[in-house]
């Protein structure tokens, strides 16, 4: 069984300090932005893993899906996916 706490820790952990981006959050709820403008590569990859876990496919091909994450976060994500 997937531990929701473990998943939330893995998905919200930061491998590096917050980085400044050009995105400012005063656009409102209906604003559309590109992932790469708002999220770091590691955040994009953790979100993709969350989507994978939400949809629960019978199999998934994961190619370089954690290259932007630290080794510790990568291990946590693969442990969660393996459950």
PDB file of N, CA and C in Angstrom:
ATOM      1  N   UNK A   1       0.847  -1.193   0.000  1.00  0.00           N
ATOM      2  CA  UNK A   1       0.000   0.000   0.000  1.00  0.00           C
ATOM      3  C   UNK A   1       0.879   1.237   0.000  1.00  0.00           C
ATOM      4  N   UNK A   2       0.550   2.170  -0.821  1.00  0.00           N
ATOM      5  CA  UNK A   2       1.312   3.405  -0.947  1.00  0.00           C
ATOM      6  C   UNK A   2       1.091   4.276   0.288  1.00  0.00           C
ATOM      7  N   UNK A   3       2.163   4.650   0.925  1.00  0.00           N
ATOM      8  CA  UNK A   3       2.092   5.527   2.074  1.00  0.00           C
ATOM      9  C   UNK A   3       1.907   6.958   1.581  1.00  0.00           C
ATOM     10  N   UNK A   4       0.788   7.559   1.914  1.00  0.00           N
ATOM     11  CA  UNK A   4       0.531   8.932   1.465  1.00  0.00           C
ATOM     12  C   UNK A   4       1.551   9.892   2.059  1.00  0.00           C
ATOM     13  N   UNK A   5       1.957   9.637   3.297  1.00  0.00           N
ATOM     14  CA  UNK A   5       2.957  10.497   3.917  1.00  0.00           C
ATOM     15  C   UNK A   5       4.279  10.400   3.167  1.00  0.00           C
ATOM     16  N   UNK A   6       4.703   9.182   2.852  1.00  0.00           N
ATOM     17  CA  UNK A   6       5.964   8.997   2.122  1.00  0.00           C
ATOM     18  C   UNK A   6       5.895   9.663   0.760  1.00  0.00           C
ATOM     19  N   UNK A   7       4.760   9.545   0.094  1.00  0.00           N
ATOM     20  CA  UNK A   7       4.595  10.174  -1.204  1.00  0.00           C
ATOM     21  C   UNK A   7       4.663  11.689  -1.083  1.00  0.00           C
ATOM     22  N   UNK A   8       3.975  12.251  -0.097  1.00  0.00           N
ATOM     23  CA  UNK A   8       3.985  13.706   0.042  1.00  0.00           C
ATOM     24  C   UNK A   8       5.367  14.222   0.382  1.00  0.00           C
ATOM     25  N   UNK A   9       6.131  13.479   1.194  1.00  0.00           N
ATOM     26  CA  UNK A   9       7.492  13.888   1.526  1.00  0.00           C
ATOM     27  C   UNK A   9       8.367  13.853   0.273  1.00  0.00           C
ATOM     28  N   UNK A  10       8.267  12.778  -0.494  1.00  0.00           N
ATOM     29  CA  UNK A  10       9.092  12.641  -1.700  1.00  0.00           C
ATOM     30  C   UNK A  10       8.737  13.695  -2.742  1.00  0.00           C
ATOM     31  N   UNK A  11       7.467  14.008  -2.871  1.00  0.00           N
ATOM     32  CA  UNK A  11       7.052  14.948  -3.908  1.00  0.00           C
ATOM     33  C   UNK A  11       7.322  16.394  -3.538  1.00  0.00           C
ATOM     34  N   UNK A  12       7.383  16.701  -2.246  1.00  0.00           N
ATOM     35  CA  UNK A  12       7.589  18.090  -1.846  1.00  0.00           C
ATOM     36  C   UNK A  12       9.016  18.378  -1.414  1.00  0.00           C
ATOM     37  N   UNK A  13       9.855  17.374  -1.325  1.00  0.00           N
ATOM     38  CA  UNK A  13      11.247  17.588  -0.934  1.00  0.00           C
ATOM     39  C   UNK A  13      11.971  18.372  -2.010  1.00  0.00           C
ATOM     40  N   UNK A  14      12.836  19.236  -1.576  1.00  0.00           N
ATOM     41  CA  UNK A  14      13.625  20.047  -2.505  1.00  0.00           C
ATOM     42  C   UNK A  14      15.061  19.554  -2.473  1.00  0.00           C
ATOM     43  N   UNK A  15      15.613  19.278  -3.632  1.00  0.00           N
ATOM     44  CA  UNK A  15      17.010  18.871  -3.732  1.00  0.00           C
ATOM     45  C   UNK A  15      17.929  20.070  -3.599  1.00  0.00           C
ATOM     46  N   UNK A  16      17.429  21.247  -3.917  1.00  0.00           N
ATOM     47  CA  UNK A  16      18.218  22.464  -3.835  1.00  0.00           C
ATOM     48  C   UNK A  16      17.328  23.586  -3.315  1.00  0.00           C
ATOM     49  N   UNK A  17      17.924  24.663  -2.840  1.00  0.00           N
ATOM     50  CA  UNK A  17      17.109  25.791  -2.358  1.00  0.00           C
ATOM     51  C   UNK A  17      16.214  26.324  -3.465  1.00  0.00           C
ATOM     52  N   UNK A  18      15.175  27.022  -3.063  1.00  0.00           N
ATOM     53  CA  UNK A  18      14.273  27.610  -4.052  1.00  0.00           C
ATOM     54  C   UNK A  18      15.037  28.520  -4.993  1.00  0.00           C
ATOM     55  N   UNK A  19      14.722  28.402  -6.232  1.00  0.00           N
ATOM     56  CA  UNK A  19      15.377  29.233  -7.231  1.00  0.00           C
ATOM     57  C   UNK A  19      14.394  30.294  -7.710  1.00  0.00           C
ATOM     58  N   UNK A  20      14.913  31.477  -8.001  1.00  0.00           N
ATOM     59  CA  UNK A  20      14.063  32.536  -8.540  1.00  0.00           C
ATOM     60  C   UNK A  20      13.641  32.167  -9.949  1.00  0.00           C
ATOM     61  N   UNK A  21      12.403  32.422 -10.261  1.00  0.00           N
ATOM     62  CA  UNK A  21      11.920  32.203 -11.621  1.00  0.00           C
ATOM     63  C   UNK A  21      11.283  33.488 -12.116  1.00  0.00           C
ATOM     64  N   UNK A  22      11.047  33.555 -13.403  1.00  0.00           N
ATOM     65  CA  UNK A  22      10.408  34.728 -13.965  1.00  0.00           C
ATOM     66  C   UNK A  22       8.915  34.744 -13.672  1.00  0.00           C
ATOM     67  N   UNK A  23       8.380  33.611 -13.238  1.00  0.00           N
ATOM     68  CA  UNK A  23       6.945  33.504 -12.979  1.00  0.00           C
ATOM     69  C   UNK A  23       6.593  34.247 -11.700  1.00  0.00           C
ATOM     70  N   UNK A  24       5.553  35.031 -11.718  1.00  0.00           N
ATOM     71  CA  UNK A  24       5.073  35.613 -10.474  1.00  0.00           C
ATOM     72  C   UNK A  24       3.643  35.155 -10.271  1.00  0.00           C
ATOM     73  N   UNK A  25       3.295  34.849  -9.044  1.00  0.00           N
ATOM     74  CA  UNK A  25       2.026  34.178  -8.750  1.00  0.00           C
ATOM     75  C   UNK A  25       0.851  35.140  -8.614  1.00  0.00           C
ATOM     76  N   UNK A  26       0.921  36.322  -9.184  1.00  0.00           N
ATOM     77  CA  UNK A  26      -0.175  37.282  -9.085  1.00  0.00           C
ATOM     78  C   UNK A  26      -1.035  37.302 -10.338  1.00  0.00           C
ATOM     79  N   UNK A  27      -0.963  36.247 -11.143  1.00  0.00           N
ATOM     80  CA  UNK A  27      -1.721  36.187 -12.387  1.00  0.00           C
ATOM     81  C   UNK A  27      -3.160  35.735 -12.183  1.00  0.00           C
ATOM     82  N   UNK A  28      -3.470  35.066 -11.112  1.00  0.00           N
ATOM     83  CA  UNK A  28      -4.825  34.580 -10.867  1.00  0.00           C
ATOM     84  C   UNK A  28      -4.970  33.108 -11.214  1.00  0.00           C
ATOM     85  N   UNK A  29      -6.110  32.550 -10.862  1.00  0.00           N
ATOM     86  CA  UNK A  29      -6.361  31.114 -11.012  1.00  0.00           C
ATOM     87  C   UNK A  29      -6.503  30.686 -12.463  1.00  0.00           C
ATOM     88  N   UNK A  30      -6.893  31.579 -13.340  1.00  0.00           N
ATOM     89  CA  UNK A  30      -7.111  31.190 -14.726  1.00  0.00           C
ATOM     90  C   UNK A  30      -5.870  31.375 -15.598  1.00  0.00           C
ATOM     91  N   UNK A  31      -4.764  31.741 -15.015  1.00  0.00           N
ATOM     92  CA  UNK A  31      -3.523  31.930 -15.771  1.00  0.00           C
ATOM     93  C   UNK A  31      -2.946  30.591 -16.207  1.00  0.00           C
ATOM     94  N   UNK A  32      -2.524  30.507 -17.452  1.00  0.00           N
ATOM     95  CA  UNK A  32      -1.908  29.294 -17.987  1.00  0.00           C
ATOM     96  C   UNK A  32      -0.417  29.573 -18.178  1.00  0.00           C
ATOM     97  N   UNK A  33       0.423  28.661 -17.686  1.00  0.00           N
ATOM     98  CA  UNK A  33       1.870  28.823 -17.827  1.00  0.00           C
ATOM     99  C   UNK A  33       2.488  27.486 -18.198  1.00  0.00           C
ATOM    100  N   UNK A  34       3.641  27.532 -18.813  1.00  0.00           N
ATOM    101  CA  UNK A  34       4.374  26.323 -19.171  1.00  0.00           C
ATOM    102  C   UNK A  34       5.092  25.783 -17.939  1.00  0.00           C
ATOM    103  N   UNK A  35       5.115  24.458 -17.788  1.00  0.00           N
ATOM    104  CA  UNK A  35       5.789  23.839 -16.648  1.00  0.00           C
ATOM    105  C   UNK A  35       7.217  24.328 -16.511  1.00  0.00           C
ATOM    106  N   UNK A  36       7.944  24.368 -17.628  1.00  0.00           N
ATOM    107  CA  UNK A  36       9.362  24.708 -17.554  1.00  0.00           C
ATOM    108  C   UNK A  36       9.598  26.146 -17.102  1.00  0.00           C
ATOM    109  N   UNK A  37       8.579  26.997 -17.188  1.00  0.00           N
ATOM    110  CA  UNK A  37       8.703  28.375 -16.718  1.00  0.00           C
ATOM    111  C   UNK A  37       8.431  28.509 -15.229  1.00  0.00           C
ATOM    112  N   UNK A  38       7.736  27.540 -14.651  1.00  0.00           N
ATOM    113  CA  UNK A  38       7.300  27.643 -13.270  1.00  0.00           C
ATOM    114  C   UNK A  38       8.003  26.633 -12.363  1.00  0.00           C
ATOM    115  N   UNK A  39       8.187  25.411 -12.849  1.00  0.00           N
ATOM    116  CA  UNK A  39       8.734  24.329 -12.030  1.00  0.00           C
ATOM    117  C   UNK A  39      10.158  23.979 -12.454  1.00  0.00           C
ATOM    118  N   UNK A  40      10.970  23.606 -11.480  1.00  0.00           N
ATOM    119  CA  UNK A  40      12.305  23.101 -11.802  1.00  0.00           C
ATOM    120  C   UNK A  40      12.162  21.729 -12.461  1.00  0.00           C
ATOM    121  N   UNK A  41      13.236  21.229 -13.049  1.00  0.00           N
ATOM    122  CA  UNK A  41      13.192  19.907 -13.680  1.00  0.00           C
ATOM    123  C   UNK A  41      12.818  18.837 -12.656  1.00  0.00           C
ATOM    124  N   UNK A  42      13.406  18.887 -11.471  1.00  0.00           N
ATOM    125  CA  UNK A  42      13.085  17.911 -10.432  1.00  0.00           C
ATOM    126  C   UNK A  42      11.624  17.969 -10.017  1.00  0.00           C
ATOM    127  N   UNK A  43      11.055  19.176  -9.909  1.00  0.00           N
ATOM    128  CA  UNK A  43       9.639  19.316  -9.562  1.00  0.00           C
ATOM    129  C   UNK A  43       8.752  18.753 -10.666  1.00  0.00           C
ATOM    130  N   UNK A  44       9.119  18.991 -11.920  1.00  0.00           N
ATOM    131  CA  UNK A  44       8.359  18.430 -13.044  1.00  0.00           C
ATOM    132  C   UNK A  44       8.373  16.910 -12.988  1.00  0.00           C
ATOM    133  N   UNK A  45       9.528  16.340 -12.675  1.00  0.00           N
ATOM    134  CA  UNK A  45       9.650  14.883 -12.637  1.00  0.00           C
ATOM    135  C   UNK A  45       8.874  14.299 -11.460  1.00  0.00           C
ATOM    136  N   UNK A  46       8.896  14.962 -10.303  1.00  0.00           N
ATOM    137  CA  UNK A  46       8.116  14.474  -9.155  1.00  0.00           C
ATOM    138  C   UNK A  46       6.625  14.554  -9.454  1.00  0.00           C
ATOM    139  N   UNK A  47       6.186  15.596 -10.154  1.00  0.00           N
ATOM    140  CA  UNK A  47       4.782  15.709 -10.540  1.00  0.00           C
ATOM    141  C   UNK A  47       4.392  14.595 -11.510  1.00  0.00           C
ATOM    142  N   UNK A  48       5.274  14.267 -12.438  1.00  0.00           N
ATOM    143  CA  UNK A  48       5.001  13.171 -13.378  1.00  0.00           C
ATOM    144  C   UNK A  48       4.867  11.840 -12.640  1.00  0.00           C
ATOM    145  N   UNK A  49       5.714  11.606 -11.640  1.00  0.00           N
ATOM    146  CA  UNK A  49       5.610  10.382 -10.838  1.00  0.00           C
ATOM    147  C   UNK A  49       4.285  10.374 -10.075  1.00  0.00           C
ATOM    148  N   UNK A  50       3.871  11.512  -9.548  1.00  0.00           N
ATOM    149  CA  UNK A  50       2.585  11.593  -8.839  1.00  0.00           C
ATOM    150  C   UNK A  50       1.434  11.238  -9.781  1.00  0.00           C
ATOM    151  N   UNK A  51       1.502  11.730 -11.025  1.00  0.00           N
ATOM    152  CA  UNK A  51       0.474  11.393 -12.011  1.00  0.00           C
ATOM    153  C   UNK A  51       0.474   9.897 -12.311  1.00  0.00           C
ATOM    154  N   UNK A  52       1.668   9.316 -12.405  1.00  0.00           N
ATOM    155  CA  UNK A  52       1.800   7.875 -12.626  1.00  0.00           C
ATOM    156  C   UNK A  52       1.120   7.109 -11.489  1.00  0.00           C
ATOM    157  N   UNK A  53       1.400   7.504 -10.256  1.00  0.00           N
ATOM    158  CA  UNK A  53       0.828   6.818  -9.103  1.00  0.00           C
ATOM    159  C   UNK A  53      -0.681   7.025  -9.021  1.00  0.00           C
ATOM    160  N   UNK A  54      -1.152   8.176  -9.422  1.00  0.00           N
ATOM    161  CA  UNK A  54      -2.590   8.447  -9.404  1.00  0.00           C
ATOM    162  C   UNK A  54      -3.339   7.554 -10.400  1.00  0.00           C
ATOM    163  N   UNK A  55      -2.784   7.401 -11.586  1.00  0.00           N
ATOM    164  CA  UNK A  55      -3.463   6.628 -12.635  1.00  0.00           C
ATOM    165  C   UNK A  55      -3.261   5.116 -12.508  1.00  0.00           C
ATOM    166  N   UNK A  56      -2.244   4.684 -11.753  1.00  0.00           N
ATOM    167  CA  UNK A  56      -1.990   3.271 -11.478  1.00  0.00           C
ATOM    168  C   UNK A  56      -2.037   2.383 -12.727  1.00  0.00           C
ATOM    169  N   UNK A  57      -1.167   2.639 -13.710  1.00  0.00           N
ATOM    170  CA  UNK A  57      -1.160   1.778 -14.897  1.00  0.00           C
ATOM    171  C   UNK A  57      -0.622   0.386 -14.561  1.00  0.00           C
ATOM    172  N   UNK A  58      -0.929  -0.595 -15.400  1.00  0.00           N
ATOM    173  CA  UNK A  58      -0.418  -1.954 -15.172  1.00  0.00           C
ATOM    174  C   UNK A  58       1.093  -2.004 -15.349  1.00  0.00           C
ATOM    175  N   UNK A  59       1.633  -1.182 -16.239  1.00  0.00           N
ATOM    176  CA  UNK A  59       3.080  -1.081 -16.398  1.00  0.00           C
ATOM    177  C   UNK A  59       3.410   0.331 -16.878  1.00  0.00           C
ATOM    178  N   UNK A  60       4.639   0.727 -16.666  1.00  0.00           N
ATOM    179  CA  UNK A  60       5.088   2.049 -17.117  1.00  0.00           C
ATOM    180  C   UNK A  60       6.551   1.951 -17.528  1.00  0.00           C
ATOM    181  N   UNK A  61       6.896   2.647 -18.569  1.00  0.00           N
ATOM    182  CA  UNK A  61       8.290   2.719 -18.999  1.00  0.00           C
ATOM    183  C   UNK A  61       8.833   4.061 -18.514  1.00  0.00           C
ATOM    184  N   UNK A  62       9.800   4.003 -17.642  1.00  0.00           N
ATOM    185  CA  UNK A  62      10.367   5.209 -17.040  1.00  0.00           C
ATOM    186  C   UNK A  62      11.778   5.402 -17.575  1.00  0.00           C
ATOM    187  N   UNK A  63      11.965   6.410 -18.389  1.00  0.00           N
ATOM    188  CA  UNK A  63      13.267   6.686 -18.987  1.00  0.00           C
ATOM    189  C   UNK A  63      13.744   8.052 -18.515  1.00  0.00           C
ATOM    190  N   UNK A  64      14.816   8.068 -17.728  1.00  0.00           N
ATOM    191  CA  UNK A  64      15.376   9.321 -17.204  1.00  0.00           C
ATOM    192  C   UNK A  64      14.326  10.137 -16.458  1.00  0.00           C
ATOM    193  N   UNK A  65      13.465   9.462 -15.714  1.00  0.00           N
ATOM    194  CA  UNK A  65      12.367  10.166 -15.050  1.00  0.00           C
ATOM    195  C   UNK A  65      12.783  10.827 -13.740  1.00  0.00           C
ATOM    196  N   UNK A  66      14.008  10.599 -13.297  1.00  0.00           N
ATOM    197  CA  UNK A  66      14.469  11.228 -12.060  1.00  0.00           C
ATOM    198  C   UNK A  66      15.825  11.899 -12.233  1.00  0.00           C
ATOM    199  N   UNK A  67      16.206  12.231 -13.453  1.00  0.00           N
ATOM    200  CA  UNK A  67      17.527  12.811 -13.694  1.00  0.00           C
ATOM    201  C   UNK A  67      17.700  14.176 -13.043  1.00  0.00           C
ATOM    202  N   UNK A  68      16.602  14.882 -12.767  1.00  0.00           N
ATOM    203  CA  UNK A  68      16.682  16.192 -12.137  1.00  0.00           C
ATOM    204  C   UNK A  68      16.517  16.151 -10.635  1.00  0.00           C
ATOM    205  N   UNK A  69      16.444  14.941 -10.060  1.00  0.00           N
ATOM    206  CA  UNK A  69      16.261  14.783  -8.611  1.00  0.00           C
ATOM    207  C   UNK A  69      17.566  14.337  -7.975  1.00  0.00           C
ATOM    208  N   UNK A  70      17.697  14.621  -6.686  1.00  0.00           N
ATOM    209  CA  UNK A  70      18.867  14.146  -5.956  1.00  0.00           C
ATOM    210  C   UNK A  70      18.787  12.622  -5.814  1.00  0.00           C
ATOM    211  N   UNK A  71      19.909  12.004  -5.466  1.00  0.00           N
ATOM    212  CA  UNK A  71      19.948  10.544  -5.307  1.00  0.00           C
ATOM    213  C   UNK A  71      18.987  10.085  -4.212  1.00  0.00           C
ATOM    214  N   UNK A  72      18.879  10.852  -3.143  1.00  0.00           N
ATOM    215  CA  UNK A  72      17.987  10.477  -2.038  1.00  0.00           C
ATOM    216  C   UNK A  72      16.526  10.514  -2.482  1.00  0.00           C
ATOM    217  N   UNK A  73      16.139  11.551  -3.197  1.00  0.00           N
ATOM    218  CA  UNK A  73      14.762  11.666  -3.691  1.00  0.00           C
ATOM    219  C   UNK A  73      14.491  10.590  -4.728  1.00  0.00           C
ATOM    220  N   UNK A  74      15.467  10.323  -5.591  1.00  0.00           N
ATOM    221  CA  UNK A  74      15.325   9.282  -6.608  1.00  0.00           C
ATOM    222  C   UNK A  74      15.037   7.931  -5.951  1.00  0.00           C
ATOM    223  N   UNK A  75      15.780   7.594  -4.905  1.00  0.00           N
ATOM    224  CA  UNK A  75      15.558   6.327  -4.199  1.00  0.00           C
ATOM    225  C   UNK A  75      14.155   6.284  -3.590  1.00  0.00           C
ATOM    226  N   UNK A  76      13.740   7.385  -2.961  1.00  0.00           N
ATOM    227  CA  UNK A  76      12.398   7.428  -2.363  1.00  0.00           C
ATOM    228  C   UNK A  76      11.320   7.220  -3.433  1.00  0.00           C
ATOM    229  N   UNK A  77      11.462   7.886  -4.554  1.00  0.00           N
ATOM    230  CA  UNK A  77      10.456   7.761  -5.611  1.00  0.00           C
ATOM    231  C   UNK A  77      10.385   6.346  -6.165  1.00  0.00           C
ATOM    232  N   UNK A  78      11.554   5.733  -6.432  1.00  0.00           N
ATOM    233  CA  UNK A  78      11.535   4.362  -6.955  1.00  0.00           C
ATOM    234  C   UNK A  78      11.004   3.376  -5.917  1.00  0.00           C
ATOM    235  N   UNK A  79      11.274   3.612  -4.630  1.00  0.00           N
ATOM    236  CA  UNK A  79      10.713   2.745  -3.581  1.00  0.00           C
ATOM    237  C   UNK A  79       9.191   2.849  -3.559  1.00  0.00           C
ATOM    238  N   UNK A  80       8.685   4.076  -3.697  1.00  0.00           N
ATOM    239  CA  UNK A  80       7.228   4.281  -3.688  1.00  0.00           C
ATOM    240  C   UNK A  80       6.594   3.636  -4.912  1.00  0.00           C
ATOM    241  N   UNK A  81       7.200   3.799  -6.083  1.00  0.00           N
ATOM    242  CA  UNK A  81       6.654   3.222  -7.313  1.00  0.00           C
ATOM    243  C   UNK A  81       6.669   1.696  -7.244  1.00  0.00           C
ATOM    244  N   UNK A  82       7.669   1.128  -6.605  1.00  0.00           N
ATOM    245  CA  UNK A  82       7.788  -0.327  -6.516  1.00  0.00           C
ATOM    246  C   UNK A  82       6.723  -0.941  -5.621  1.00  0.00           C
ATOM    247  N   UNK A  83       6.122  -0.186  -4.724  1.00  0.00           N
ATOM    248  CA  UNK A  83       5.103  -0.736  -3.801  1.00  0.00           C
ATOM    249  C   UNK A  83       3.850  -1.148  -4.512  1.00  0.00           C
TER     250      UNK A  83
END
